[in-house]
Amino acid sequence: MPASRLTRRRLLAGLGFGAAAPLLVACGGGDDVLAGQAGNADGKNYIAGDGSVAEYAKGERSEPVEFSGALFDGTEVSAESLRGAPAVLNFWYAACAPCRIEAPHLVSLHGQFEPEGVRFLGVNVRDTATTAQAFERTFEIPYPSMEDLSGDVLLALSDFVPPQAVPSTLVLDAEGRVSARVLGAVEEGTLRALLKTVVDEQGQ
């Protein structure tokens, strides 16, 4: 089997699309923590982690990330279309309890940072448009989300987001490089500080 097909199969299995694999969703925690918890979820539909946060110094960041897909309204979007300003990528789905907990924090931060040019984009890994849009109405989400049932976006960003770790949030700098990563539900104060870093960089 080609390596790319095998990688995709493993990714989708981790998301719960394999016949025998349950969906494991992280409330945070580093990759090793997630791996250890994966076999001990105690019947929950998510893995309780420690909210692991990683921030990368400007000179130590990866190359700009690459991904593409479509919003639920069919509009095409790509990593390249976000460049030129900092951005937030949030991986989520509607039945994910930690995703519901963090939603108000993301809405609040969007209100604070969108006027400064920061772009917010959700990546929904599981839902139909109807389910996703109901969630967005309930929590009054002001920014759009991509549909990623295929796992293509998550696969493209798998260097930063383990497939089990939903919710996860990436902060991109204006060049499209990952400045920070949060595995698990974001806390407003933490993500505010991470966003301030990339916003302040634009004035330097």
Protein backbone atom coordinates (compact mmCIF):
# COMPACT_ATOMS: atom_id res chain seq x y z
CA MET A 1 0.00 0.00 0.00
CA PRO A 2 1.43 3.45 -0.86
CA ALA A 3 2.72 5.36 2.17
CA SER A 4 0.34 8.28 1.64
CA ARG A 5 -2.68 5.97 1.60
CA LEU A 6 -1.48 4.18 4.71
CA THR A 7 -0.93 7.49 6.51
CA ARG A 8 -4.44 8.65 5.57
CA ARG A 9 -5.95 5.36 6.78
CA ARG A 10 -4.21 5.71 10.14
CA LEU A 11 -5.30 9.33 10.42
CA LEU A 12 -8.94 8.55 9.69
CA ALA A 13 -8.85 5.64 12.11
CA GLY A 14 -7.62 8.04 14.77
CA LEU A 15 -10.56 10.30 14.01
CA GLY A 16 -13.03 7.47 14.45
CA PHE A 17 -13.70 6.71 10.79
CA GLY A 18 -12.23 3.19 10.96
CA ALA A 19 -14.69 0.40 11.67
CA ALA A 20 -12.94 -0.71 14.83
CA ALA A 21 -11.38 2.52 16.11
CA PRO A 22 -13.21 4.78 18.61
CA LEU A 23 -12.92 8.54 18.30
CA LEU A 24 -10.39 9.84 20.80
CA VAL A 25 -10.50 13.53 21.50
CA ALA A 26 -7.97 15.37 23.60
CA CYS A 27 -8.65 18.05 26.15
CA GLY A 28 -4.98 18.85 25.74
CA GLY A 29 -1.74 17.22 26.71
CA GLY A 30 1.47 16.56 24.85
CA ASP A 31 1.83 13.84 22.26
CA ASP A 32 3.25 11.37 24.81
CA VAL A 33 0.45 12.15 27.25
CA LEU A 34 -2.12 11.56 24.53
CA ALA A 35 -0.57 8.26 23.57
CA GLY A 36 -0.65 7.10 27.16
CA GLN A 37 -4.26 8.09 27.63
CA ALA A 38 -5.49 6.61 24.37
CA GLY A 39 -5.83 3.17 25.93
CA ASN A 40 -7.46 4.46 29.11
CA ALA A 41 -10.31 6.73 28.08
CA ASP A 42 -12.70 5.12 30.62
CA GLY A 43 -15.60 5.13 28.19
CA LYS A 44 -15.45 8.89 27.61
CA ASN A 45 -15.65 10.34 24.11
CA TYR A 46 -12.53 12.41 24.68
CA ILE A 47 -9.13 12.04 26.36
CA ALA A 48 -8.50 14.31 29.34
CA GLY A 49 -5.11 15.97 28.94
CA ASP A 50 -3.24 18.85 30.50
CA GLY A 51 -3.81 21.63 27.97
CA SER A 52 -0.29 21.46 26.55
CA VAL A 53 0.94 24.71 25.02
CA ALA A 54 3.98 25.08 22.76
CA GLU A 55 5.28 28.42 21.48
CA TYR A 56 8.00 28.69 18.84
CA ALA A 57 10.50 31.54 18.72
CA LYS A 58 10.47 33.54 15.50
CA GLY A 59 13.79 32.12 14.31
CA GLU A 60 12.82 28.52 15.10
CA ARG A 61 9.53 28.19 13.24
CA SER A 62 8.79 25.76 10.44
CA GLU A 63 8.26 26.63 6.82
CA PRO A 64 4.81 28.12 6.07
CA VAL A 65 2.11 25.48 6.38
CA GLU A 66 0.24 24.27 3.32
CA PHE A 67 -3.38 23.11 3.17
CA SER A 68 -6.50 23.72 1.12
CA GLY A 69 -10.18 22.92 1.33
CA ALA A 70 -13.63 24.45 1.27
CA LEU A 71 -15.84 26.25 3.75
CA PHE A 72 -19.27 24.81 4.43
CA ASP A 73 -20.72 27.30 1.94
CA GLY A 74 -18.40 25.94 -0.75
CA THR A 75 -15.91 28.81 -0.76
CA GLU A 76 -12.39 27.58 -1.44
CA VAL A 77 -9.75 28.49 1.13
CA SER A 78 -6.07 27.71 1.52
CA ALA A 79 -3.12 28.42 3.77
CA GLU A 80 -1.85 30.88 1.18
CA SER A 81 -5.08 32.89 1.39
CA LEU A 82 -4.42 33.51 5.10
CA ARG A 83 -0.90 34.85 4.70
CA GLY A 84 -0.10 38.49 5.25
CA ALA A 85 -1.65 38.57 8.71
CA PRO A 86 -1.63 36.35 11.80
CA ALA A 87 -4.24 33.60 11.87
CA VAL A 88 -5.87 31.13 14.24
CA LEU A 89 -6.79 27.60 13.12
CA ASN A 90 -9.12 25.78 15.50
CA PHE A 91 -9.88 22.07 15.02
CA TRP A 92 -13.29 21.09 16.38
CA TYR A 93 -16.57 19.21 16.00
CA ALA A 94 -20.00 19.81 17.51
CA ALA A 95 -20.35 16.86 19.94
CA CYS A 96 -16.90 17.49 21.45
CA ALA A 97 -17.42 18.67 25.04
CA PRO A 98 -14.13 20.61 25.27
CA CYS A 99 -14.97 22.30 21.96
CA ARG A 100 -18.14 23.64 23.54
CA ILE A 101 -16.22 24.84 26.58
CA GLU A 102 -13.69 26.78 24.52
CA ALA A 103 -16.15 28.27 22.00
CA PRO A 104 -17.00 31.41 24.04
CA HIS A 105 -13.28 32.10 24.54
CA LEU A 106 -12.65 31.92 20.80
CA VAL A 107 -15.60 34.21 20.12
CA SER A 108 -14.28 36.73 22.66
CA LEU A 109 -10.76 36.63 21.23
CA HIS A 110 -12.06 37.05 17.70
CA GLY A 111 -13.76 40.25 18.85
CA GLN A 112 -10.52 41.48 20.40
CA PHE A 113 -8.09 40.57 17.60
CA GLU A 114 -10.08 40.68 14.36
CA PRO A 115 -9.85 44.51 14.34
CA GLU A 116 -6.06 44.08 14.44
CA GLY A 117 -6.19 41.92 11.33
CA VAL A 118 -6.01 38.46 12.89
CA ARG A 119 -7.97 35.90 10.89
CA PHE A 120 -9.84 33.05 12.53
CA LEU A 121 -10.70 29.81 10.75
CA GLY A 122 -12.31 26.67 12.12
CA VAL A 123 -11.52 23.20 10.79
CA ASN A 124 -14.42 20.82 11.43
CA VAL A 125 -13.23 17.22 11.37
CA ARG A 126 -16.51 15.32 11.70
CA ASP A 127 -19.81 17.13 11.09
CA THR A 128 -22.20 17.68 8.23
CA ALA A 129 -22.93 21.27 7.32
CA THR A 130 -26.26 21.19 9.19
CA THR A 131 -24.67 20.02 12.44
CA ALA A 132 -21.73 22.41 12.21
CA GLN A 133 -23.94 25.39 11.42
CA ALA A 134 -26.24 24.58 14.36
CA PHE A 135 -23.20 24.68 16.66
CA GLU A 136 -22.11 27.98 15.13
CA ARG A 137 -25.56 29.50 15.71
CA THR A 138 -25.71 28.25 19.30
CA PHE A 139 -22.36 29.79 20.22
CA GLU A 140 -22.64 32.74 17.81
CA ILE A 141 -19.37 31.86 16.09
CA PRO A 142 -18.51 34.88 13.91
CA TYR A 143 -15.85 33.25 11.71
CA PRO A 144 -16.13 30.46 9.11
CA SER A 145 -15.09 26.82 9.27
CA MET A 146 -13.69 24.42 6.71
CA GLU A 147 -15.21 20.97 6.23
CA ASP A 148 -12.59 18.27 6.76
CA LEU A 149 -14.45 14.95 6.81
CA SER A 150 -11.79 13.58 4.47
CA GLY A 151 -9.03 14.40 6.96
CA ASP A 152 -7.00 16.19 4.27
CA VAL A 153 -6.42 19.38 6.28
CA LEU A 154 -5.58 17.49 9.45
CA LEU A 155 -3.20 15.28 7.50
CA ALA A 156 -1.48 18.31 5.97
CA LEU A 157 -0.91 19.70 9.48
CA SER A 158 -0.12 16.42 11.22
CA ASP A 159 3.38 17.63 12.14
CA PHE A 160 1.65 19.95 14.61
CA VAL A 161 -1.76 18.41 15.37
CA PRO A 162 -1.93 14.73 16.42
CA PRO A 163 -5.04 13.14 14.88
CA GLN A 164 -6.51 12.34 18.31
CA ALA A 165 -6.04 15.88 19.61
CA VAL A 166 -9.32 17.64 18.95
CA PRO A 167 -9.81 20.36 19.96
CA SER A 168 -6.46 21.80 19.03
CA THR A 169 -5.53 25.33 18.01
CA LEU A 170 -2.66 26.63 15.92
CA VAL A 171 -1.50 30.24 15.83
CA LEU A 172 0.11 31.21 12.53
CA ASP A 173 2.33 34.24 12.05
CA ALA A 174 1.89 36.60 9.11
CA GLU A 175 4.14 34.38 6.99
CA GLY A 176 1.94 31.35 7.61
CA ARG A 177 4.37 29.62 10.00
CA VAL A 178 3.20 27.97 13.20
CA SER A 179 3.96 30.31 16.07
CA ALA A 180 2.12 28.36 18.76
CA ARG A 181 0.07 25.24 19.36
CA VAL A 182 -2.50 24.40 22.03
CA LEU A 183 -3.59 20.78 22.44
CA GLY A 184 -6.97 20.75 24.14
CA ALA A 185 -9.48 23.45 24.96
CA VAL A 186 -7.93 26.92 24.86
CA GLU A 187 -8.01 29.27 27.81
CA GLU A 188 -8.70 32.85 26.84
CA GLY A 189 -5.74 34.38 28.68
CA THR A 190 -3.28 31.89 27.24
CA LEU A 191 -4.40 32.30 23.64
CA ARG A 192 -4.53 36.09 24.07
CA ALA A 193 -0.85 36.10 25.04
CA LEU A 194 0.08 33.84 22.10
CA LEU A 195 -1.79 36.09 19.69
CA LYS A 196 -0.23 39.23 21.12
CA THR A 197 3.18 37.80 20.22
CA VAL A 198 2.39 37.51 16.50
CA VAL A 199 0.48 40.80 16.40
CA ASP A 200 3.38 42.66 18.00
CA GLU A 201 5.81 41.09 15.51
CA GLN A 202 4.12 42.94 12.66
CA GLY A 203 5.22 46.26 14.09
CA GLN A 204 8.84 45.24 14.49
